[in-house]
Amino acid sequence: MLWTAASATTTSGRRSSSVLWGNLLNKDKCHVCSITGGYNRCIAVEQILESVRAPCSNTKYGCTVKMHYHELKDHEKSCPRAPCFCPEAGCGFAGSTGVLLRHFTDDHGWPSTEFKFGRDSVLQIQEGMHVLHSREGGRLFLVKFTPVPPFGNAASILRVHPHALVGERKFRCQVGYNCDTIGWHQYSNLHPRSTNLSNGLPVDDGSYSLVVPAVPAYLPAANSIKITISRVS
């Protein structure tokens, strides 16, 4: 009997056929049918397996990558087309951050602002969601404004990312409110939480990024905050 192994050594780090053979308890007997025989490498089978490509599981979200099975897991851990989810109750929409941005603005009518790293973005304080997006790598952030009477309005900031990790600190936000008319100046520095929103919005625990006072309607300029997002080196 001829026992063949179909796993060649590659630059991608797969184990060689000799390594697999070396792990067998009995190297002179087939581990499946127990027939005795020799061991020989089958180049033809290896080439067939080497030519097989499998699609990424994010194909339906626009990923066109096809790779060896043993490489797919590593790719999917960082696939840019992996989905994030709409946090609106009953919506169920999912897609890459670029697609999700269009969904937020077109389907839900959420206001959006394009930002640049290290530069101020001015956002009007209005109950609900405000989307911050960047052309640099498709970065997406959500700013949620929540009334907290009698104190005023609270702002919470989230980074939306398909491969979010708990506790990661890749970005820093400075949130500021400055109003000479009412004599109120306040700034906050934080690392925004990251989430793919698969479980909806994180439950508010009272740890808001910034709480600003309610201002009279005749002071519209005082009803805004500044947000500066920077990368953490």
Protein backbone atom coordinates (compact mmCIF):
# COMPACT_ATOMS: atom_id res chain seq x y z
CA MET A 1 0.00 0.00 0.00
CA LEU A 2 1.09 3.53 -0.68
CA TRP A 3 0.24 6.02 2.07
CA THR A 4 0.21 9.62 0.81
CA ALA A 5 0.28 12.96 2.58
CA ALA A 6 -1.17 16.04 0.94
CA SER A 7 0.30 18.94 2.83
CA ALA A 8 3.33 20.68 1.36
CA THR A 9 5.57 23.18 3.07
CA THR A 10 4.59 26.73 2.04
CA THR A 11 5.76 30.25 2.79
CA SER A 12 2.42 30.85 4.54
CA GLY A 13 3.51 28.63 7.40
CA ARG A 14 1.67 25.35 6.85
CA ARG A 15 3.18 22.21 8.31
CA SER A 16 5.12 20.03 5.88
CA SER A 17 4.09 16.48 4.98
CA SER A 18 7.12 15.15 6.85
CA VAL A 19 6.03 16.89 10.05
CA LEU A 20 2.53 15.40 9.76
CA TRP A 21 4.00 11.96 9.12
CA GLY A 22 6.29 12.38 12.11
CA ASN A 23 3.24 12.79 14.37
CA LEU A 24 1.85 9.36 13.50
CA LEU A 25 2.10 6.74 16.25
CA ASN A 26 2.81 3.94 13.78
CA LYS A 27 4.59 5.24 10.72
CA ASP A 28 4.37 1.96 8.79
CA LYS A 29 0.61 1.48 9.05
CA CYS A 30 -2.32 3.54 7.74
CA HIS A 31 -4.01 5.29 10.67
CA VAL A 32 -7.42 4.86 8.96
CA CYS A 33 -7.56 1.30 7.56
CA SER A 34 -4.59 -0.23 9.45
CA ILE A 35 -3.10 -1.70 6.28
CA THR A 36 0.67 -1.77 6.43
CA GLY A 37 2.69 -0.06 3.74
CA GLY A 38 5.22 2.60 3.07
CA TYR A 39 5.09 6.37 3.20
CA ASN A 40 5.61 8.52 0.15
CA ARG A 41 4.86 12.14 -0.55
CA CYS A 42 2.18 12.69 -3.24
CA ILE A 43 3.07 15.88 -5.09
CA ALA A 44 0.02 15.66 -7.38
CA VAL A 45 -2.43 15.67 -4.46
CA GLU A 46 -0.53 18.47 -2.78
CA GLN A 47 -0.81 20.61 -5.90
CA ILE A 48 -4.54 19.94 -6.11
CA LEU A 49 -5.08 21.01 -2.52
CA GLU A 50 -2.80 24.00 -3.01
CA SER A 51 -5.04 25.20 -5.85
CA VAL A 52 -8.25 25.07 -3.78
CA ARG A 53 -9.49 28.47 -2.56
CA ALA A 54 -12.39 29.15 -0.22
CA PRO A 55 -14.36 32.42 -0.08
CA CYS A 56 -14.35 34.66 2.98
CA SER A 57 -17.44 34.32 5.16
CA ASN A 58 -18.05 38.04 4.60
CA THR A 59 -18.78 37.55 0.90
CA LYS A 60 -22.35 38.80 1.34
CA TYR A 61 -20.95 42.02 2.78
CA GLY A 62 -18.74 42.64 -0.25
CA CYS A 63 -15.49 40.75 0.44
CA THR A 64 -14.13 39.12 -2.73
CA VAL A 65 -11.11 37.40 -1.12
CA LYS A 66 -10.58 33.68 -1.70
CA MET A 67 -7.84 31.92 0.24
CA HIS A 68 -6.61 28.55 1.46
CA TYR A 69 -8.73 27.15 4.28
CA HIS A 70 -5.82 27.40 6.71
CA GLU A 71 -5.42 31.12 5.92
CA LEU A 72 -9.09 32.11 6.12
CA LYS A 73 -9.27 32.37 9.89
CA ASP A 74 -6.46 34.92 10.07
CA HIS A 75 -7.97 36.92 7.20
CA GLU A 76 -11.42 37.03 8.76
CA LYS A 77 -9.96 38.39 12.02
CA SER A 78 -9.07 41.58 10.14
CA CYS A 79 -11.36 41.52 7.10
CA PRO A 80 -12.33 45.14 6.29
CA ARG A 81 -15.71 43.95 5.00
CA ALA A 82 -16.71 42.28 8.27
CA PRO A 83 -20.07 43.69 9.38
CA CYS A 84 -21.13 46.14 12.03
CA PHE A 85 -24.77 46.44 13.00
CA CYS A 86 -27.43 49.11 13.22
CA PRO A 87 -28.35 49.70 16.88
CA GLU A 88 -31.89 50.88 16.11
CA ALA A 89 -34.45 48.54 17.65
CA GLY A 90 -36.05 46.27 15.07
CA CYS A 91 -33.79 47.39 12.22
CA GLY A 92 -31.45 44.44 11.80
CA PHE A 93 -29.26 46.08 9.14
CA ALA A 94 -25.64 44.94 8.92
CA GLY A 95 -22.75 45.92 6.69
CA SER A 96 -19.23 47.30 6.51
CA THR A 97 -18.62 50.68 8.11
CA GLY A 98 -18.91 52.48 4.77
CA VAL A 99 -22.26 50.85 4.00
CA LEU A 100 -23.41 51.42 7.58
CA LEU A 101 -22.61 55.13 7.28
CA ARG A 102 -24.94 55.46 4.30
CA HIS A 103 -27.59 53.49 6.16
CA PHE A 104 -27.39 55.79 9.18
CA THR A 105 -27.66 58.98 7.13
CA ASP A 106 -30.03 57.88 4.34
CA ASP A 107 -32.37 55.47 6.13
CA HIS A 108 -32.43 56.94 9.62
CA GLY A 109 -31.62 60.56 8.79
CA TRP A 110 -28.90 60.88 11.43
CA PRO A 111 -26.78 64.02 10.97
CA SER A 112 -23.16 63.35 10.03
CA THR A 113 -19.88 65.26 10.04
CA GLU A 114 -16.66 64.37 8.29
CA PHE A 115 -13.70 64.78 10.62
CA LYS A 116 -9.93 64.87 10.28
CA PHE A 117 -7.62 63.46 12.90
CA GLY A 118 -6.20 66.08 15.24
CA ARG A 119 -8.67 68.80 14.16
CA ASP A 120 -11.76 70.18 15.89
CA SER A 121 -15.22 69.17 14.75
CA VAL A 122 -18.18 71.26 15.92
CA LEU A 123 -21.39 69.36 16.65
CA GLN A 124 -24.74 70.87 17.50
CA ILE A 125 -26.25 69.41 20.64
CA GLN A 126 -29.41 67.65 19.55
CA GLU A 127 -30.99 64.65 21.23
CA GLY A 128 -30.17 61.44 19.41
CA MET A 129 -27.27 60.23 17.28
CA HIS A 130 -24.63 62.14 15.36
CA VAL A 131 -22.24 60.28 13.06
CA LEU A 132 -18.56 61.20 12.75
CA HIS A 133 -16.74 59.67 9.80
CA SER A 134 -13.34 59.94 8.20
CA ARG A 135 -12.12 59.14 4.70
CA GLU A 136 -8.92 57.83 6.25
CA GLY A 137 -9.58 54.11 6.54
CA GLY A 138 -13.34 54.48 6.84
CA ARG A 139 -13.24 55.35 10.53
CA LEU A 140 -16.68 55.64 12.10
CA PHE A 141 -17.72 57.10 15.45
CA LEU A 142 -21.13 57.70 17.00
CA VAL A 143 -21.91 60.59 19.33
CA LYS A 144 -25.09 60.14 21.35
CA PHE A 145 -26.73 63.18 22.96
CA THR A 146 -28.96 62.38 25.91
CA PRO A 147 -30.96 64.87 28.05
CA VAL A 148 -30.11 64.46 31.73
CA PRO A 149 -32.42 66.89 33.54
CA PRO A 150 -31.92 69.03 35.48
CA PHE A 151 -28.21 69.13 34.59
CA GLY A 152 -28.45 69.61 30.83
CA ASN A 153 -27.30 67.33 28.01
CA ALA A 154 -24.80 64.47 28.02
CA ALA A 155 -22.59 63.33 25.16
CA SER A 156 -21.31 59.76 24.82
CA ILE A 157 -18.82 58.67 22.14
CA LEU A 158 -18.36 55.23 20.62
CA ARG A 159 -16.01 53.90 17.98
CA VAL A 160 -17.77 51.55 15.55
CA HIS A 161 -15.47 48.80 14.27
CA PRO A 162 -16.10 45.20 13.15
CA HIS A 163 -13.11 43.80 15.07
CA ALA A 164 -13.56 45.76 18.28
CA LEU A 165 -11.64 44.54 21.31
CA VAL A 166 -12.61 45.27 24.88
CA GLY A 167 -10.29 47.79 26.45
CA GLU A 168 -8.35 48.71 23.32
CA ARG A 169 -7.04 52.28 23.18
CA LYS A 170 -6.29 53.18 19.60
CA PHE A 171 -7.89 56.62 19.64
CA ARG A 172 -8.16 59.52 22.03
CA CYS A 173 -10.98 62.09 22.10
CA GLN A 174 -11.02 65.54 23.57
CA VAL A 175 -14.53 66.87 24.09
CA GLY A 176 -14.98 70.52 24.99
CA TYR A 177 -17.67 73.06 25.75
CA ASN A 178 -16.90 76.77 25.92
CA CYS A 179 -19.48 79.52 26.49
CA ASP A 180 -18.35 82.92 27.77
CA THR A 181 -21.96 84.18 27.89
CA ILE A 182 -22.92 81.83 30.70
CA GLY A 183 -19.37 81.45 32.00
CA TRP A 184 -19.10 77.73 31.48
CA HIS A 185 -15.91 76.02 30.27
CA GLN A 186 -15.44 72.29 30.40
CA TYR A 187 -13.15 69.73 28.73
CA SER A 188 -12.84 65.97 28.91
CA ASN A 189 -10.21 63.57 27.55
CA LEU A 190 -11.05 59.92 27.00
CA HIS A 191 -10.44 56.77 25.02
CA PRO A 192 -13.76 55.92 23.34
CA ARG A 193 -15.14 52.44 23.71
CA SER A 194 -15.10 50.26 20.60
CA THR A 195 -18.03 48.09 19.52
CA ASN A 196 -19.47 46.44 16.43
CA LEU A 197 -22.95 47.15 17.84
CA SER A 198 -23.97 43.49 17.52
CA ASN A 199 -25.72 43.79 20.89
CA GLY A 200 -27.03 47.29 20.25
CA LEU A 201 -25.75 50.36 22.03
CA PRO A 202 -23.89 49.76 25.28
CA VAL A 203 -26.13 50.34 28.27
CA ASP A 204 -25.66 53.84 29.70
CA ASP A 205 -24.00 53.53 33.07
CA GLY A 206 -23.82 57.23 33.82
CA SER A 207 -20.19 57.56 32.72
CA TYR A 208 -20.84 60.14 30.02
CA SER A 209 -18.03 61.75 28.05
CA LEU A 210 -19.30 65.24 28.84
CA VAL A 211 -22.34 66.87 30.44
CA VAL A 212 -23.11 70.46 29.39
CA PRO A 213 -25.77 72.78 30.78
CA ALA A 214 -29.00 73.53 28.94
CA VAL A 215 -28.87 76.98 27.35
CA PRO A 216 -31.62 79.37 26.24
CA ALA A 217 -32.82 79.10 22.65
CA TYR A 218 -31.57 82.62 21.87
CA LEU A 219 -27.98 81.40 22.32
CA PRO A 220 -27.63 78.88 19.48
CA ALA A 221 -23.84 79.25 19.33
CA ALA A 222 -23.67 78.06 22.94
CA ASN A 223 -25.51 74.86 22.07
CA SER A 224 -22.59 73.01 20.53
CA ILE A 225 -19.50 71.05 21.53
CA LYS A 226 -16.07 70.50 19.98
CA ILE A 227 -14.65 67.05 19.48
CA THR A 228 -11.06 66.28 18.49
CA ILE A 229 -10.13 62.70 17.66
CA SER A 230 -6.47 61.67 17.57
CA ARG A 231 -4.68 58.41 16.97
CA VAL A 232 -2.80 56.88 19.87
CA SER A 233 0.76 56.14 18.78
